[in-house]
Amino acid sequence: MSIPNDPNMLLSYVNLKLRDYYANLEDMCDDMDVSKAEIEEKLQKIGFNYDSQRNQFV
């Protein structure tokens, strides 16, 4: 499954998936077969980091 390339679209997409379907980022990445490091790197570039307690990028 492909994920959005645009960082802003990726933020929205990932946070929706985390909110509605997954308990944490690792589970989402494993299930969707995507790179956790790639997602974190792209979102850090626009100022967002994963908050494990909130289970979202903030």
PDB file of N, CA and C in Angstrom:
ATOM      1  N   MET A   1       0.852  -1.178   0.000  1.00  0.00           N
ATOM      2  CA  MET A   1       0.000   0.000   0.000  1.00  0.00           C
ATOM      3  C   MET A   1       0.894   1.235   0.000  1.00  0.00           C
ATOM      4  N   SER A   2       0.572   2.177  -0.848  1.00  0.00           N
ATOM      5  CA  SER A   2       1.375   3.393  -0.896  1.00  0.00           C
ATOM      6  C   SER A   2       0.792   4.452   0.039  1.00  0.00           C
ATOM      7  N   ILE A   3       1.676   5.299   0.515  1.00  0.00           N
ATOM      8  CA  ILE A   3       1.282   6.391   1.396  1.00  0.00           C
ATOM      9  C   ILE A   3       1.481   7.704   0.645  1.00  0.00           C
ATOM     10  N   PRO A   4       0.784   8.757   1.038  1.00  0.00           N
ATOM     11  CA  PRO A   4       0.951  10.039   0.346  1.00  0.00           C
ATOM     12  C   PRO A   4       2.386  10.539   0.411  1.00  0.00           C
ATOM     13  N   ASN A   5       2.844  11.155  -0.663  1.00  0.00           N
ATOM     14  CA  ASN A   5       4.187  11.725  -0.711  1.00  0.00           C
ATOM     15  C   ASN A   5       4.232  13.120  -0.111  1.00  0.00           C
ATOM     16  N   ASP A   6       3.168  13.887  -0.291  1.00  0.00           N
ATOM     17  CA  ASP A   6       3.107  15.239   0.245  1.00  0.00           C
ATOM     18  C   ASP A   6       3.082  15.168   1.778  1.00  0.00           C
ATOM     19  N   PRO A   7       3.997  15.856   2.455  1.00  0.00           N
ATOM     20  CA  PRO A   7       4.072  15.766   3.912  1.00  0.00           C
ATOM     21  C   PRO A   7       2.784  16.166   4.635  1.00  0.00           C
ATOM     22  N   ASN A   8       2.076  17.171   4.144  1.00  0.00           N
ATOM     23  CA  ASN A   8       0.832  17.581   4.797  1.00  0.00           C
ATOM     24  C   ASN A   8      -0.266  16.542   4.629  1.00  0.00           C
ATOM     25  N   MET A   9      -0.347  15.956   3.458  1.00  0.00           N
ATOM     26  CA  MET A   9      -1.315  14.876   3.233  1.00  0.00           C
ATOM     27  C   MET A   9      -0.931  13.644   4.048  1.00  0.00           C
ATOM     28  N   LEU A  10       0.372  13.383   4.128  1.00  0.00           N
ATOM     29  CA  LEU A  10       0.857  12.259   4.915  1.00  0.00           C
ATOM     30  C   LEU A  10       0.480  12.425   6.381  1.00  0.00           C
ATOM     31  N   LEU A  11       0.625  13.619   6.911  1.00  0.00           N
ATOM     32  CA  LEU A  11       0.263  13.897   8.300  1.00  0.00           C
ATOM     33  C   LEU A  11      -1.195  13.558   8.553  1.00  0.00           C
ATOM     34  N   SER A  12      -2.063  14.043   7.721  1.00  0.00           N
ATOM     35  CA  SER A  12      -3.490  13.787   7.874  1.00  0.00           C
ATOM     36  C   SER A  12      -3.800  12.294   7.758  1.00  0.00           C
ATOM     37  N   TYR A  13      -3.206  11.656   6.768  1.00  0.00           N
ATOM     38  CA  TYR A  13      -3.436  10.236   6.512  1.00  0.00           C
ATOM     39  C   TYR A  13      -2.977   9.373   7.695  1.00  0.00           C
ATOM     40  N   VAL A  14      -1.754   9.631   8.160  1.00  0.00           N
ATOM     41  CA  VAL A  14      -1.189   8.834   9.250  1.00  0.00           C
ATOM     42  C   VAL A  14      -1.972   9.048  10.547  1.00  0.00           C
ATOM     43  N   ASN A  15      -2.291  10.278  10.869  1.00  0.00           N
ATOM     44  CA  ASN A  15      -3.037  10.524  12.103  1.00  0.00           C
ATOM     45  C   ASN A  15      -4.429   9.904  12.060  1.00  0.00           C
ATOM     46  N   LEU A  16      -5.059   9.902  10.909  1.00  0.00           N
ATOM     47  CA  LEU A  16      -6.354   9.232  10.773  1.00  0.00           C
ATOM     48  C   LEU A  16      -6.208   7.731  11.014  1.00  0.00           C
ATOM     49  N   LYS A  17      -5.210   7.134  10.381  1.00  0.00           N
ATOM     50  CA  LYS A  17      -4.987   5.691  10.557  1.00  0.00           C
ATOM     51  C   LYS A  17      -4.691   5.360  12.025  1.00  0.00           C
ATOM     52  N   LEU A  18      -3.854   6.174  12.657  1.00  0.00           N
ATOM     53  CA  LEU A  18      -3.515   5.934  14.060  1.00  0.00           C
ATOM     54  C   LEU A  18      -4.743   6.083  14.950  1.00  0.00           C
ATOM     55  N   ARG A  19      -5.548   7.079  14.678  1.00  0.00           N
ATOM     56  CA  ARG A  19      -6.739   7.326  15.498  1.00  0.00           C
ATOM     57  C   ARG A  19      -7.771   6.215  15.342  1.00  0.00           C
ATOM     58  N   ASP A  20      -7.997   5.780  14.111  1.00  0.00           N
ATOM     59  CA  ASP A  20      -9.109   4.870  13.842  1.00  0.00           C
ATOM     60  C   ASP A  20      -8.768   3.381  13.809  1.00  0.00           C
ATOM     61  N   TYR A  21      -7.488   3.045  13.548  1.00  0.00           N
ATOM     62  CA  TYR A  21      -7.187   1.642  13.287  1.00  0.00           C
ATOM     63  C   TYR A  21      -6.032   1.026  14.066  1.00  0.00           C
ATOM     64  N   TYR A  22      -5.102   1.834  14.569  1.00  0.00           N
ATOM     65  CA  TYR A  22      -3.889   1.252  15.140  1.00  0.00           C
ATOM     66  C   TYR A  22      -3.594   1.789  16.537  1.00  0.00           C
ATOM     67  N   ALA A  23      -3.065   0.913  17.390  1.00  0.00           N
ATOM     68  CA  ALA A  23      -2.727   1.276  18.765  1.00  0.00           C
ATOM     69  C   ALA A  23      -1.437   2.076  18.856  1.00  0.00           C
ATOM     70  N   ASN A  24      -0.569   1.937  17.835  1.00  0.00           N
ATOM     71  CA  ASN A  24       0.689   2.689  17.845  1.00  0.00           C
ATOM     72  C   ASN A  24       1.293   2.710  16.442  1.00  0.00           C
ATOM     73  N   LEU A  25       2.313   3.547  16.296  1.00  0.00           N
ATOM     74  CA  LEU A  25       2.958   3.738  15.000  1.00  0.00           C
ATOM     75  C   LEU A  25       3.620   2.461  14.498  1.00  0.00           C
ATOM     76  N   GLU A  26       4.226   1.709  15.377  1.00  0.00           N
ATOM     77  CA  GLU A  26       4.901   0.478  14.970  1.00  0.00           C
ATOM     78  C   GLU A  26       3.915  -0.520  14.371  1.00  0.00           C
ATOM     79  N   ASP A  27       2.755  -0.682  15.004  1.00  0.00           N
ATOM     80  CA  ASP A  27       1.736  -1.596  14.480  1.00  0.00           C
ATOM     81  C   ASP A  27       1.271  -1.168  13.094  1.00  0.00           C
ATOM     82  N   MET A  28       1.060   0.138  12.930  1.00  0.00           N
ATOM     83  CA  MET A  28       0.620   0.648  11.637  1.00  0.00           C
ATOM     84  C   MET A  28       1.660   0.365  10.557  1.00  0.00           C
ATOM     85  N   CYS A  29       2.922   0.675  10.848  1.00  0.00           N
ATOM     86  CA  CYS A  29       3.982   0.478   9.867  1.00  0.00           C
ATOM     87  C   CYS A  29       4.163  -0.997   9.516  1.00  0.00           C
ATOM     88  N   ASP A  30       4.102  -1.860  10.512  1.00  0.00           N
ATOM     89  CA  ASP A  30       4.220  -3.299  10.255  1.00  0.00           C
ATOM     90  C   ASP A  30       3.067  -3.795   9.387  1.00  0.00           C
ATOM     91  N   ASP A  31       1.858  -3.403   9.731  1.00  0.00           N
ATOM     92  CA  ASP A  31       0.683  -3.868   9.012  1.00  0.00           C
ATOM     93  C   ASP A  31       0.646  -3.340   7.582  1.00  0.00           C
ATOM     94  N   MET A  32       1.054  -2.083   7.401  1.00  0.00           N
ATOM     95  CA  MET A  32       1.000  -1.459   6.080  1.00  0.00           C
ATOM     96  C   MET A  32       2.292  -1.655   5.284  1.00  0.00           C
ATOM     97  N   ASP A  33       3.284  -2.280   5.912  1.00  0.00           N
ATOM     98  CA  ASP A  33       4.585  -2.526   5.277  1.00  0.00           C
ATOM     99  C   ASP A  33       5.204  -1.230   4.753  1.00  0.00           C
ATOM    100  N   VAL A  34       5.273  -0.234   5.657  1.00  0.00           N
ATOM    101  CA  VAL A  34       5.903   1.049   5.340  1.00  0.00           C
ATOM    102  C   VAL A  34       7.008   1.316   6.358  1.00  0.00           C
ATOM    103  N   SER A  35       7.928   2.168   5.989  1.00  0.00           N
ATOM    104  CA  SER A  35       9.074   2.481   6.838  1.00  0.00           C
ATOM    105  C   SER A  35       8.708   3.517   7.892  1.00  0.00           C
ATOM    106  N   LYS A  36       8.841   3.133   9.146  1.00  0.00           N
ATOM    107  CA  LYS A  36       8.598   4.061  10.251  1.00  0.00           C
ATOM    108  C   LYS A  36       9.564   5.238  10.153  1.00  0.00           C
ATOM    109  N   ALA A  37      10.826   4.962   9.869  1.00  0.00           N
ATOM    110  CA  ALA A  37      11.842   6.013   9.783  1.00  0.00           C
ATOM    111  C   ALA A  37      11.504   7.008   8.669  1.00  0.00           C
ATOM    112  N   GLU A  38      11.015   6.517   7.542  1.00  0.00           N
ATOM    113  CA  GLU A  38      10.665   7.396   6.427  1.00  0.00           C
ATOM    114  C   GLU A  38       9.508   8.328   6.806  1.00  0.00           C
ATOM    115  N   ILE A  39       8.500   7.783   7.453  1.00  0.00           N
ATOM    116  CA  ILE A  39       7.364   8.599   7.883  1.00  0.00           C
ATOM    117  C   ILE A  39       7.822   9.652   8.886  1.00  0.00           C
ATOM    118  N   GLU A  40       8.586   9.217   9.878  1.00  0.00           N
ATOM    119  CA  GLU A  40       9.054  10.161  10.896  1.00  0.00           C
ATOM    120  C   GLU A  40       9.926  11.252  10.287  1.00  0.00           C
ATOM    121  N   GLU A  41      10.783  10.892   9.356  1.00  0.00           N
ATOM    122  CA  GLU A  41      11.668  11.868   8.712  1.00  0.00           C
ATOM    123  C   GLU A  41      10.873  12.897   7.919  1.00  0.00           C
ATOM    124  N   LYS A  42       9.909  12.439   7.136  1.00  0.00           N
ATOM    125  CA  LYS A  42       9.097  13.351   6.328  1.00  0.00           C
ATOM    126  C   LYS A  42       8.305  14.310   7.209  1.00  0.00           C
ATOM    127  N   LEU A  43       7.748  13.794   8.295  1.00  0.00           N
ATOM    128  CA  LEU A  43       6.916  14.636   9.141  1.00  0.00           C
ATOM    129  C   LEU A  43       7.742  15.554  10.037  1.00  0.00           C
ATOM    130  N   GLN A  44       8.950  15.149  10.382  1.00  0.00           N
ATOM    131  CA  GLN A  44       9.834  16.027  11.144  1.00  0.00           C
ATOM    132  C   GLN A  44      10.210  17.251  10.321  1.00  0.00           C
ATOM    133  N   LYS A  45      10.302  17.088   9.015  1.00  0.00           N
ATOM    134  CA  LYS A  45      10.656  18.201   8.133  1.00  0.00           C
ATOM    135  C   LYS A  45       9.610  19.313   8.168  1.00  0.00           C
ATOM    136  N   ILE A  46       8.375  18.984   8.509  1.00  0.00           N
ATOM    137  CA  ILE A  46       7.339  20.014   8.609  1.00  0.00           C
ATOM    138  C   ILE A  46       6.965  20.287  10.070  1.00  0.00           C
ATOM    139  N   GLY A  47       7.825  19.821  10.974  1.00  0.00           N
ATOM    140  CA  GLY A  47       7.678  20.184  12.385  1.00  0.00           C
ATOM    141  C   GLY A  47       6.814  19.274  13.245  1.00  0.00           C
ATOM    142  N   PHE A  48       6.578  18.052  12.807  1.00  0.00           N
ATOM    143  CA  PHE A  48       5.740  17.135  13.575  1.00  0.00           C
ATOM    144  C   PHE A  48       6.542  15.927  14.034  1.00  0.00           C
ATOM    145  N   ASN A  49       6.303  15.517  15.276  1.00  0.00           N
ATOM    146  CA  ASN A  49       6.946  14.344  15.858  1.00  0.00           C
ATOM    147  C   ASN A  49       5.884  13.442  16.450  1.00  0.00           C
ATOM    148  N   TYR A  50       6.183  12.144  16.476  1.00  0.00           N
ATOM    149  CA  TYR A  50       5.234  11.175  17.013  1.00  0.00           C
ATOM    150  C   TYR A  50       5.193  11.252  18.529  1.00  0.00           C
ATOM    151  N   ASP A  51       4.003  11.371  19.078  1.00  0.00           N
ATOM    152  CA  ASP A  51       3.771  11.361  20.523  1.00  0.00           C
ATOM    153  C   ASP A  51       3.088  10.033  20.845  1.00  0.00           C
ATOM    154  N   SER A  52       3.821   9.112  21.463  1.00  0.00           N
ATOM    155  CA  SER A  52       3.288   7.778  21.711  1.00  0.00           C
ATOM    156  C   SER A  52       2.140   7.788  22.716  1.00  0.00           C
ATOM    157  N   GLN A  53       2.116   8.726  23.631  1.00  0.00           N
ATOM    158  CA  GLN A  53       1.012   8.770  24.596  1.00  0.00           C
ATOM    159  C   GLN A  53      -0.286   9.223  23.939  1.00  0.00           C
ATOM    160  N   ARG A  54      -0.179  10.111  22.973  1.00  0.00           N
ATOM    161  CA  ARG A  54      -1.367  10.576  22.251  1.00  0.00           C
ATOM    162  C   ARG A  54      -1.626   9.741  21.012  1.00  0.00           C
ATOM    163  N   ASN A  55      -0.655   8.922  20.621  1.00  0.00           N
ATOM    164  CA  ASN A  55      -0.725   8.099  19.426  1.00  0.00           C
ATOM    165  C   ASN A  55      -1.051   8.932  18.187  1.00  0.00           C
ATOM    166  N   GLN A  56      -0.306  10.015  18.047  1.00  0.00           N
ATOM    167  CA  GLN A  56      -0.448  10.856  16.865  1.00  0.00           C
ATOM    168  C   GLN A  56       0.779  11.730  16.687  1.00  0.00           C
ATOM    169  N   PHE A  57       0.891  12.289  15.512  1.00  0.00           N
ATOM    170  CA  PHE A  57       1.970  13.246  15.251  1.00  0.00           C
ATOM    171  C   PHE A  57       1.464  14.625  15.651  1.00  0.00           C
ATOM    172  N   VAL A  58       2.256  15.294  16.476  1.00  0.00           N
ATOM    173  CA  VAL A  58       1.882  16.632  16.965  1.00  0.00           C
ATOM    174  C   VAL A  58       3.017  17.600  16.742  1.00  0.00           C
TER     175      VAL A  58
END
